[in-house]
Amino acid sequence: MKYLANVTTLEFSPEKCTGCGRCVEVCPHGVFEINEKKAHITDKDLCMECGACTNNCEFGAIKVNSGVGCASAVINSILYGGEPACDCNGTDSKSACC
């Protein structure tokens, strides 16, 4: 599932990557793959900014602001029920995504 194009906070530093593959294991949307003994981003727009990759990368190669934007809205809708709402009109600073 893709969210919004070109808005994810995901940053990847290939020079810090050791190719351990942990990001591939923990990413629920297949954002990473191992190719030539290093991780690579398959499609940045697949990132839901959950933070699993950042929390599990021991080498600091991956950074993402977890729980921001529309990914947070989707997760909150699952946890608390209702439709995902990222309040793009800006009235709720906790869930603003735009």
PDB file of N, CA and C in Angstrom:
ATOM      1  N   MET A   1       0.840  -1.170   0.000  1.00  0.00           N
ATOM      2  CA  MET A   1       0.000   0.000   0.000  1.00  0.00           C
ATOM      3  C   MET A   1       0.886   1.235   0.000  1.00  0.00           C
ATOM      4  N   LYS A   2       0.651   2.130  -0.918  1.00  0.00           N
ATOM      5  CA  LYS A   2       1.375   3.388  -0.939  1.00  0.00           C
ATOM      6  C   LYS A   2       0.531   4.443  -0.257  1.00  0.00           C
ATOM      7  N   TYR A   3       1.187   5.371   0.345  1.00  0.00           N
ATOM      8  CA  TYR A   3       0.511   6.454   1.034  1.00  0.00           C
ATOM      9  C   TYR A   3       0.574   7.688   0.137  1.00  0.00           C
ATOM     10  N   LEU A   4       1.233   8.718   0.525  1.00  0.00           N
ATOM     11  CA  LEU A   4       1.379   9.910  -0.294  1.00  0.00           C
ATOM     12  C   LEU A   4       2.755   9.896  -0.940  1.00  0.00           C
ATOM     13  N   ALA A   5       2.834  10.325  -2.185  1.00  0.00           N
ATOM     14  CA  ALA A   5       4.106  10.307  -2.908  1.00  0.00           C
ATOM     15  C   ALA A   5       5.042  11.404  -2.403  1.00  0.00           C
ATOM     16  N   ASN A   6       6.288  11.041  -2.249  1.00  0.00           N
ATOM     17  CA  ASN A   6       7.380  11.971  -1.950  1.00  0.00           C
ATOM     18  C   ASN A   6       7.207  12.776  -0.664  1.00  0.00           C
ATOM     19  N   VAL A   7       6.637  12.190   0.372  1.00  0.00           N
ATOM     20  CA  VAL A   7       6.489  12.917   1.634  1.00  0.00           C
ATOM     21  C   VAL A   7       7.117  12.193   2.829  1.00  0.00           C
ATOM     22  N   THR A   8       7.580  10.990   2.666  1.00  0.00           N
ATOM     23  CA  THR A   8       8.126  10.244   3.792  1.00  0.00           C
ATOM     24  C   THR A   8       9.403  10.890   4.329  1.00  0.00           C
ATOM     25  N   THR A   9       9.627  10.735   5.617  1.00  0.00           N
ATOM     26  CA  THR A   9      10.820  11.272   6.258  1.00  0.00           C
ATOM     27  C   THR A   9      11.981  10.272   6.226  1.00  0.00           C
ATOM     28  N   LEU A  10      11.810   9.160   5.565  1.00  0.00           N
ATOM     29  CA  LEU A  10      12.820   8.098   5.513  1.00  0.00           C
ATOM     30  C   LEU A  10      14.120   8.596   4.882  1.00  0.00           C
ATOM     31  N   GLU A  11      15.215   8.365   5.603  1.00  0.00           N
ATOM     32  CA  GLU A  11      16.558   8.681   5.097  1.00  0.00           C
ATOM     33  C   GLU A  11      17.423   7.441   5.251  1.00  0.00           C
ATOM     34  N   PHE A  12      18.223   7.151   4.230  1.00  0.00           N
ATOM     35  CA  PHE A  12      19.091   5.977   4.248  1.00  0.00           C
ATOM     36  C   PHE A  12      20.505   6.386   3.874  1.00  0.00           C
ATOM     37  N   SER A  13      21.482   5.959   4.684  1.00  0.00           N
ATOM     38  CA  SER A  13      22.894   6.249   4.443  1.00  0.00           C
ATOM     39  C   SER A  13      23.603   4.952   4.065  1.00  0.00           C
ATOM     40  N   PRO A  14      23.746   4.686   2.769  1.00  0.00           N
ATOM     41  CA  PRO A  14      24.349   3.412   2.338  1.00  0.00           C
ATOM     42  C   PRO A  14      25.771   3.196   2.838  1.00  0.00           C
ATOM     43  N   GLU A  15      26.505   4.276   3.086  1.00  0.00           N
ATOM     44  CA  GLU A  15      27.881   4.128   3.559  1.00  0.00           C
ATOM     45  C   GLU A  15      27.946   3.553   4.970  1.00  0.00           C
ATOM     46  N   LYS A  16      26.875   3.668   5.737  1.00  0.00           N
ATOM     47  CA  LYS A  16      26.824   3.104   7.091  1.00  0.00           C
ATOM     48  C   LYS A  16      26.270   1.685   7.115  1.00  0.00           C
ATOM     49  N   CYS A  17      25.661   1.249   6.027  1.00  0.00           N
ATOM     50  CA  CYS A  17      25.022  -0.059   5.959  1.00  0.00           C
ATOM     51  C   CYS A  17      26.054  -1.170   5.899  1.00  0.00           C
ATOM     52  N   THR A  18      25.835  -2.224   6.705  1.00  0.00           N
ATOM     53  CA  THR A  18      26.709  -3.392   6.699  1.00  0.00           C
ATOM     54  C   THR A  18      26.093  -4.578   5.970  1.00  0.00           C
ATOM     55  N   GLY A  19      24.841  -4.418   5.537  1.00  0.00           N
ATOM     56  CA  GLY A  19      24.168  -5.503   4.835  1.00  0.00           C
ATOM     57  C   GLY A  19      23.640  -6.594   5.735  1.00  0.00           C
ATOM     58  N   CYS A  20      23.393  -6.281   6.994  1.00  0.00           N
ATOM     59  CA  CYS A  20      22.929  -7.306   7.939  1.00  0.00           C
ATOM     60  C   CYS A  20      21.525  -7.820   7.603  1.00  0.00           C
ATOM     61  N   GLY A  21      20.724  -7.002   6.938  1.00  0.00           N
ATOM     62  CA  GLY A  21      19.397  -7.432   6.513  1.00  0.00           C
ATOM     63  C   GLY A  21      18.292  -7.262   7.538  1.00  0.00           C
ATOM     64  N   ARG A  22      18.599  -6.672   8.676  1.00  0.00           N
ATOM     65  CA  ARG A  22      17.577  -6.495   9.711  1.00  0.00           C
ATOM     66  C   ARG A  22      16.424  -5.622   9.201  1.00  0.00           C
ATOM     67  N   CYS A  23      16.722  -4.588   8.427  1.00  0.00           N
ATOM     68  CA  CYS A  23      15.671  -3.717   7.900  1.00  0.00           C
ATOM     69  C   CYS A  23      14.705  -4.488   7.008  1.00  0.00           C
ATOM     70  N   VAL A  24      15.230  -5.417   6.248  1.00  0.00           N
ATOM     71  CA  VAL A  24      14.386  -6.250   5.383  1.00  0.00           C
ATOM     72  C   VAL A  24      13.464  -7.118   6.236  1.00  0.00           C
ATOM     73  N   GLU A  25      14.000  -7.655   7.318  1.00  0.00           N
ATOM     74  CA  GLU A  25      13.227  -8.520   8.214  1.00  0.00           C
ATOM     75  C   GLU A  25      12.095  -7.787   8.910  1.00  0.00           C
ATOM     76  N   VAL A  26      12.324  -6.546   9.344  1.00  0.00           N
ATOM     77  CA  VAL A  26      11.347  -5.860  10.191  1.00  0.00           C
ATOM     78  C   VAL A  26      10.385  -4.943   9.443  1.00  0.00           C
ATOM     79  N   CYS A  27      10.690  -4.571   8.216  1.00  0.00           N
ATOM     80  CA  CYS A  27       9.829  -3.647   7.483  1.00  0.00           C
ATOM     81  C   CYS A  27       8.550  -4.349   7.036  1.00  0.00           C
ATOM     82  N   PRO A  28       7.381  -3.849   7.466  1.00  0.00           N
ATOM     83  CA  PRO A  28       6.127  -4.509   7.114  1.00  0.00           C
ATOM     84  C   PRO A  28       5.669  -4.261   5.675  1.00  0.00           C
ATOM     85  N   HIS A  29       6.346  -3.360   4.969  1.00  0.00           N
ATOM     86  CA  HIS A  29       5.912  -3.033   3.615  1.00  0.00           C
ATOM     87  C   HIS A  29       6.960  -3.269   2.544  1.00  0.00           C
ATOM     88  N   GLY A  30       8.037  -3.951   2.864  1.00  0.00           N
ATOM     89  CA  GLY A  30       9.045  -4.300   1.865  1.00  0.00           C
ATOM     90  C   GLY A  30       9.763  -3.108   1.267  1.00  0.00           C
ATOM     91  N   VAL A  31      10.053  -2.104   2.088  1.00  0.00           N
ATOM     92  CA  VAL A  31      10.732  -0.910   1.597  1.00  0.00           C
ATOM     93  C   VAL A  31      12.191  -1.203   1.273  1.00  0.00           C
ATOM     94  N   PHE A  32      12.777  -2.199   1.927  1.00  0.00           N
ATOM     95  CA  PHE A  32      14.198  -2.508   1.745  1.00  0.00           C
ATOM     96  C   PHE A  32      14.404  -3.883   1.125  1.00  0.00           C
ATOM     97  N   GLU A  33      15.523  -4.002   0.428  1.00  0.00           N
ATOM     98  CA  GLU A  33      15.995  -5.291  -0.080  1.00  0.00           C
ATOM     99  C   GLU A  33      17.513  -5.299   0.026  1.00  0.00           C
ATOM    100  N   ILE A  34      18.087  -6.484   0.062  1.00  0.00           N
ATOM    101  CA  ILE A  34      19.537  -6.609   0.065  1.00  0.00           C
ATOM    102  C   ILE A  34      19.977  -6.914  -1.356  1.00  0.00           C
ATOM    103  N   ASN A  35      20.916  -6.117  -1.836  1.00  0.00           N
ATOM    104  CA  ASN A  35      21.444  -6.276  -3.183  1.00  0.00           C
ATOM    105  C   ASN A  35      22.931  -5.940  -3.124  1.00  0.00           C
ATOM    106  N   GLU A  36      23.756  -6.849  -3.585  1.00  0.00           N
ATOM    107  CA  GLU A  36      25.214  -6.678  -3.556  1.00  0.00           C
ATOM    108  C   GLU A  36      25.716  -6.396  -2.143  1.00  0.00           C
ATOM    109  N   LYS A  37      25.192  -7.150  -1.169  1.00  0.00           N
ATOM    110  CA  LYS A  37      25.609  -7.122   0.228  1.00  0.00           C
ATOM    111  C   LYS A  37      25.340  -5.796   0.941  1.00  0.00           C
ATOM    112  N   LYS A  38      24.386  -5.029   0.438  1.00  0.00           N
ATOM    113  CA  LYS A  38      23.960  -3.776   1.071  1.00  0.00           C
ATOM    114  C   LYS A  38      22.455  -3.652   0.939  1.00  0.00           C
ATOM    115  N   ALA A  39      21.854  -2.957   1.885  1.00  0.00           N
ATOM    116  CA  ALA A  39      20.424  -2.671   1.785  1.00  0.00           C
ATOM    117  C   ALA A  39      20.203  -1.579   0.748  1.00  0.00           C
ATOM    118  N   HIS A  40      19.064  -1.636   0.111  1.00  0.00           N
ATOM    119  CA  HIS A  40      18.645  -0.629  -0.858  1.00  0.00           C
ATOM    120  C   HIS A  40      17.159  -0.389  -0.650  1.00  0.00           C
ATOM    121  N   ILE A  41      16.724   0.813  -0.932  1.00  0.00           N
ATOM    122  CA  ILE A  41      15.305   1.134  -0.841  1.00  0.00           C
ATOM    123  C   ILE A  41      14.631   0.701  -2.135  1.00  0.00           C
ATOM    124  N   THR A  42      13.577  -0.098  -2.013  1.00  0.00           N
ATOM    125  CA  THR A  42      12.839  -0.556  -3.191  1.00  0.00           C
ATOM    126  C   THR A  42      11.903   0.530  -3.697  1.00  0.00           C
ATOM    127  N   ASP A  43      11.176   1.157  -2.769  1.00  0.00           N
ATOM    128  CA  ASP A  43      10.235   2.221  -3.121  1.00  0.00           C
ATOM    129  C   ASP A  43       9.968   3.028  -1.855  1.00  0.00           C
ATOM    130  N   LYS A  44      10.528   4.205  -1.795  1.00  0.00           N
ATOM    131  CA  LYS A  44      10.413   5.053  -0.606  1.00  0.00           C
ATOM    132  C   LYS A  44       8.958   5.364  -0.256  1.00  0.00           C
ATOM    133  N   ASP A  45       8.098   5.428  -1.256  1.00  0.00           N
ATOM    134  CA  ASP A  45       6.696   5.759  -1.023  1.00  0.00           C
ATOM    135  C   ASP A  45       5.911   4.631  -0.345  1.00  0.00           C
ATOM    136  N   LEU A  46       6.499   3.457  -0.213  1.00  0.00           N
ATOM    137  CA  LEU A  46       5.856   2.365   0.529  1.00  0.00           C
ATOM    138  C   LEU A  46       5.998   2.546   2.034  1.00  0.00           C
ATOM    139  N   CYS A  47       6.893   3.419   2.451  1.00  0.00           N
ATOM    140  CA  CYS A  47       7.183   3.609   3.871  1.00  0.00           C
ATOM    141  C   CYS A  47       5.990   4.215   4.601  1.00  0.00           C
ATOM    142  N   MET A  48       5.592   3.565   5.708  1.00  0.00           N
ATOM    143  CA  MET A  48       4.503   4.079   6.532  1.00  0.00           C
ATOM    144  C   MET A  48       5.032   4.760   7.788  1.00  0.00           C
ATOM    145  N   GLU A  49       6.338   4.945   7.845  1.00  0.00           N
ATOM    146  CA  GLU A  49       7.002   5.653   8.932  1.00  0.00           C
ATOM    147  C   GLU A  49       6.738   5.039  10.300  1.00  0.00           C
ATOM    148  N   CYS A  50       6.725   3.716  10.362  1.00  0.00           N
ATOM    149  CA  CYS A  50       6.473   3.042  11.639  1.00  0.00           C
ATOM    150  C   CYS A  50       7.689   3.075  12.553  1.00  0.00           C
ATOM    151  N   GLY A  51       8.895   3.189  11.997  1.00  0.00           N
ATOM    152  CA  GLY A  51      10.120   3.269  12.784  1.00  0.00           C
ATOM    153  C   GLY A  51      10.804   1.954  13.064  1.00  0.00           C
ATOM    154  N   ALA A  52      10.250   0.854  12.575  1.00  0.00           N
ATOM    155  CA  ALA A  52      10.860  -0.455  12.840  1.00  0.00           C
ATOM    156  C   ALA A  52      12.285  -0.534  12.302  1.00  0.00           C
ATOM    157  N   CYS A  53      12.512   0.015  11.130  1.00  0.00           N
ATOM    158  CA  CYS A  53      13.852  -0.041  10.526  1.00  0.00           C
ATOM    159  C   CYS A  53      14.864   0.754  11.349  1.00  0.00           C
ATOM    160  N   THR A  54      14.479   1.956  11.740  1.00  0.00           N
ATOM    161  CA  THR A  54      15.368   2.809  12.530  1.00  0.00           C
ATOM    162  C   THR A  54      15.671   2.175  13.879  1.00  0.00           C
ATOM    163  N   ASN A  55      14.656   1.649  14.531  1.00  0.00           N
ATOM    164  CA  ASN A  55      14.837   1.051  15.850  1.00  0.00           C
ATOM    165  C   ASN A  55      15.685  -0.207  15.808  1.00  0.00           C
ATOM    166  N   ASN A  56      15.776  -0.853  14.660  1.00  0.00           N
ATOM    167  CA  ASN A  56      16.513  -2.114  14.559  1.00  0.00           C
ATOM    168  C   ASN A  56      17.832  -2.007  13.809  1.00  0.00           C
ATOM    169  N   CYS A  57      18.160  -0.841  13.276  1.00  0.00           N
ATOM    170  CA  CYS A  57      19.440  -0.675  12.585  1.00  0.00           C
ATOM    171  C   CYS A  57      20.506  -0.285  13.610  1.00  0.00           C
ATOM    172  N   GLU A  58      21.399  -1.209  13.892  1.00  0.00           N
ATOM    173  CA  GLU A  58      22.445  -0.989  14.890  1.00  0.00           C
ATOM    174  C   GLU A  58      23.559  -0.078  14.393  1.00  0.00           C
ATOM    175  N   PHE A  59      23.531   0.267  13.111  1.00  0.00           N
ATOM    176  CA  PHE A  59      24.636   1.008  12.513  1.00  0.00           C
ATOM    177  C   PHE A  59      24.272   2.438  12.144  1.00  0.00           C
ATOM    178  N   GLY A  60      23.056   2.854  12.457  1.00  0.00           N
ATOM    179  CA  GLY A  60      22.633   4.219  12.191  1.00  0.00           C
ATOM    180  C   GLY A  60      22.478   4.564  10.724  1.00  0.00           C
ATOM    181  N   ALA A  61      22.226   3.557   9.903  1.00  0.00           N
ATOM    182  CA  ALA A  61      22.103   3.785   8.464  1.00  0.00           C
ATOM    183  C   ALA A  61      20.721   4.287   8.056  1.00  0.00           C
ATOM    184  N   ILE A  62      19.744   4.132   8.948  1.00  0.00           N
ATOM    185  CA  ILE A  62      18.365   4.478   8.600  1.00  0.00           C
ATOM    186  C   ILE A  62      17.798   5.439   9.637  1.00  0.00           C
ATOM    187  N   LYS A  63      17.141   6.480   9.131  1.00  0.00           N
ATOM    188  CA  LYS A  63      16.458   7.431  10.013  1.00  0.00           C
ATOM    189  C   LYS A  63      15.066   7.684   9.451  1.00  0.00           C
ATOM    190  N   VAL A  64      14.088   7.743  10.340  1.00  0.00           N
ATOM    191  CA  VAL A  64      12.728   8.092   9.954  1.00  0.00           C
ATOM    192  C   VAL A  64      12.041   8.682  11.182  1.00  0.00           C
ATOM    193  N   ASN A  65      11.226   9.679  10.973  1.00  0.00           N
ATOM    194  CA  ASN A  65      10.436  10.250  12.062  1.00  0.00           C
ATOM    195  C   ASN A  65       9.204   9.385  12.231  1.00  0.00           C
ATOM    196  N   SER A  66       9.300   8.409  13.119  1.00  0.00           N
ATOM    197  CA  SER A  66       8.197   7.469  13.266  1.00  0.00           C
ATOM    198  C   SER A  66       6.986   8.121  13.912  1.00  0.00           C
ATOM    199  N   GLY A  67       5.826   7.661  13.488  1.00  0.00           N
ATOM    200  CA  GLY A  67       4.571   8.141  14.041  1.00  0.00           C
ATOM    201  C   GLY A  67       4.128   9.490  13.524  1.00  0.00           C
ATOM    202  N   VAL A  68       4.696   9.934  12.410  1.00  0.00           N
ATOM    203  CA  VAL A  68       4.297  11.223  11.846  1.00  0.00           C
ATOM    204  C   VAL A  68       3.401  11.015  10.643  1.00  0.00           C
ATOM    205  N   GLY A  69       2.746  12.064  10.252  1.00  0.00           N
ATOM    206  CA  GLY A  69       2.009  12.072   9.005  1.00  0.00           C
ATOM    207  C   GLY A  69       0.885  11.073   8.931  1.00  0.00           C
ATOM    208  N   CYS A  70       0.589  10.668   7.728  1.00  0.00           N
ATOM    209  CA  CYS A  70      -0.551   9.800   7.479  1.00  0.00           C
ATOM    210  C   CYS A  70      -0.340   8.387   8.013  1.00  0.00           C
ATOM    211  N   ALA A  71       0.913   7.967   8.180  1.00  0.00           N
ATOM    212  CA  ALA A  71       1.155   6.653   8.774  1.00  0.00           C
ATOM    213  C   ALA A  71       0.609   6.625  10.194  1.00  0.00           C
ATOM    214  N   SER A  72       0.830   7.685  10.920  1.00  0.00           N
ATOM    215  CA  SER A  72       0.295   7.774  12.270  1.00  0.00           C
ATOM    216  C   SER A  72      -1.224   7.726  12.258  1.00  0.00           C
ATOM    217  N   ALA A  73      -1.837   8.390  11.296  1.00  0.00           N
ATOM    218  CA  ALA A  73      -3.290   8.392  11.187  1.00  0.00           C
ATOM    219  C   ALA A  73      -3.825   6.988  10.928  1.00  0.00           C
ATOM    220  N   VAL A  74      -3.151   6.251  10.074  1.00  0.00           N
ATOM    221  CA  VAL A  74      -3.572   4.883   9.767  1.00  0.00           C
ATOM    222  C   VAL A  74      -3.449   4.003  11.008  1.00  0.00           C
ATOM    223  N   ILE A  75      -2.328   4.106  11.700  1.00  0.00           N
ATOM    224  CA  ILE A  75      -2.116   3.300  12.901  1.00  0.00           C
ATOM    225  C   ILE A  75      -3.145   3.653  13.975  1.00  0.00           C
ATOM    226  N   ASN A  76      -3.383   4.945  14.171  1.00  0.00           N
ATOM    227  CA  ASN A  76      -4.365   5.362  15.174  1.00  0.00           C
ATOM    228  C   ASN A  76      -5.767   4.874  14.825  1.00  0.00           C
ATOM    229  N   SER A  77      -6.102   4.864  13.546  1.00  0.00           N
ATOM    230  CA  SER A  77      -7.437   4.382  13.161  1.00  0.00           C
ATOM    231  C   SER A  77      -7.585   2.893  13.458  1.00  0.00           C
ATOM    232  N   ILE A  78      -6.510   2.146  13.315  1.00  0.00           N
ATOM    233  CA  ILE A  78      -6.544   0.715  13.632  1.00  0.00           C
ATOM    234  C   ILE A  78      -6.675   0.518  15.143  1.00  0.00           C
ATOM    235  N   LEU A  79      -5.911   1.286  15.901  1.00  0.00           N
ATOM    236  CA  LEU A  79      -5.926   1.151  17.357  1.00  0.00           C
ATOM    237  C   LEU A  79      -7.222   1.637  17.997  1.00  0.00           C
ATOM    238  N   TYR A  80      -7.725   2.762  17.496  1.00  0.00           N
ATOM    239  CA  TYR A  80      -8.862   3.396  18.155  1.00  0.00           C
ATOM    240  C   TYR A  80     -10.158   3.347  17.365  1.00  0.00           C
ATOM    241  N   GLY A  81     -10.122   2.756  16.168  1.00  0.00           N
ATOM    242  CA  GLY A  81     -11.312   2.639  15.337  1.00  0.00           C
ATOM    243  C   GLY A  81     -11.565   3.896  14.522  1.00  0.00           C
ATOM    244  N   GLY A  82     -12.396   3.759  13.531  1.00  0.00           N
ATOM    245  CA  GLY A  82     -12.728   4.897  12.688  1.00  0.00           C
ATOM    246  C   GLY A  82     -11.868   4.963  11.443  1.00  0.00           C
ATOM    247  N   GLU A  83     -12.167   5.940  10.631  1.00  0.00           N
ATOM    248  CA  GLU A  83     -11.430   6.140   9.393  1.00  0.00           C
ATOM    249  C   GLU A  83     -10.114   6.864   9.675  1.00  0.00           C
ATOM    250  N   PRO A  84      -9.056   6.549   8.915  1.00  0.00           N
ATOM    251  CA  PRO A  84      -7.807   7.289   9.078  1.00  0.00           C
ATOM    252  C   PRO A  84      -8.034   8.766   8.760  1.00  0.00           C
ATOM    253  N   ALA A  85      -7.558   9.611   9.628  1.00  0.00           N
ATOM    254  CA  ALA A  85      -7.686  11.049   9.409  1.00  0.00           C
ATOM    255  C   ALA A  85      -6.396  11.723   9.823  1.00  0.00           C
ATOM    256  N   CYS A  86      -5.717  12.309   8.871  1.00  0.00           N
ATOM    257  CA  CYS A  86      -4.468  12.994   9.203  1.00  0.00           C
ATOM    258  C   CYS A  86      -4.691  14.492   9.316  1.00  0.00           C
ATOM    259  N   ASP A  87      -5.919  14.914   9.271  1.00  0.00           N
ATOM    260  CA  ASP A  87      -6.296  16.301   9.508  1.00  0.00           C
ATOM    261  C   ASP A  87      -5.441  17.277   8.707  1.00  0.00           C
ATOM    262  N   CYS A  88      -5.470  17.097   7.411  1.00  0.00           N
ATOM    263  CA  CYS A  88      -4.668  17.946   6.538  1.00  0.00           C
ATOM    264  C   CYS A  88      -5.148  19.389   6.500  1.00  0.00           C
ATOM    265  N   ASN A  89      -6.253  19.688   7.177  1.00  0.00           N
ATOM    266  CA  ASN A  89      -6.676  21.078   7.235  1.00  0.00           C
ATOM    267  C   ASN A  89      -5.951  21.818   8.345  1.00  0.00           C
ATOM    268  N   GLY A  90      -5.149  21.093   9.159  1.00  0.00           N
ATOM    269  CA  GLY A  90      -4.285  21.721  10.134  1.00  0.00           C
ATOM    270  C   GLY A  90      -4.926  22.086  11.452  1.00  0.00           C
ATOM    271  N   THR A  91      -6.131  21.628  11.752  1.00  0.00           N
ATOM    272  CA  THR A  91      -6.788  21.994  13.003  1.00  0.00           C
ATOM    273  C   THR A  91      -6.298  21.179  14.178  1.00  0.00           C
ATOM    274  N   ASP A  92      -5.655  20.063  13.925  1.00  0.00           N
ATOM    275  CA  ASP A  92      -5.159  19.209  15.003  1.00  0.00           C
ATOM    276  C   ASP A  92      -3.667  18.990  14.790  1.00  0.00           C
ATOM    277  N   SER A  93      -2.829  19.687  15.518  1.00  0.00           N
ATOM    278  CA  SER A  93      -1.380  19.628  15.296  1.00  0.00           C
ATOM    279  C   SER A  93      -0.809  18.258  15.589  1.00  0.00           C
ATOM    280  N   LYS A  94      -1.482  17.427  16.380  1.00  0.00           N
ATOM    281  CA  LYS A  94      -0.983  16.084  16.684  1.00  0.00           C
ATOM    282  C   LYS A  94      -0.998  15.188  15.452  1.00  0.00           C
ATOM    283  N   SER A  95      -1.944  15.405  14.554  1.00  0.00           N
ATOM    284  CA  SER A  95      -2.081  14.477  13.440  1.00  0.00           C
ATOM    285  C   SER A  95      -1.911  15.132  12.086  1.00  0.00           C
ATOM    286  N   ALA A  96      -1.410  16.341  12.033  1.00  0.00           N
ATOM    287  CA  ALA A  96      -1.253  17.022  10.752  1.00  0.00           C
ATOM    288  C   ALA A  96      -0.208  16.314   9.902  1.00  0.00           C
ATOM    289  N   CYS A  97      -0.502  16.125   8.651  1.00  0.00           N
ATOM    290  CA  CYS A  97       0.423  15.415   7.777  1.00  0.00           C
ATOM    291  C   CYS A  97       0.872  16.268   6.594  1.00  0.00           C
ATOM    292  N   CYS A  98       0.331  17.397   6.417  1.00  0.00           N
ATOM    293  CA  CYS A  98       0.652  18.190   5.230  1.00  0.00           C
ATOM    294  C   CYS A  98       1.361  19.479   5.610  1.00  0.00           C
TER     295      CYS A  98
END
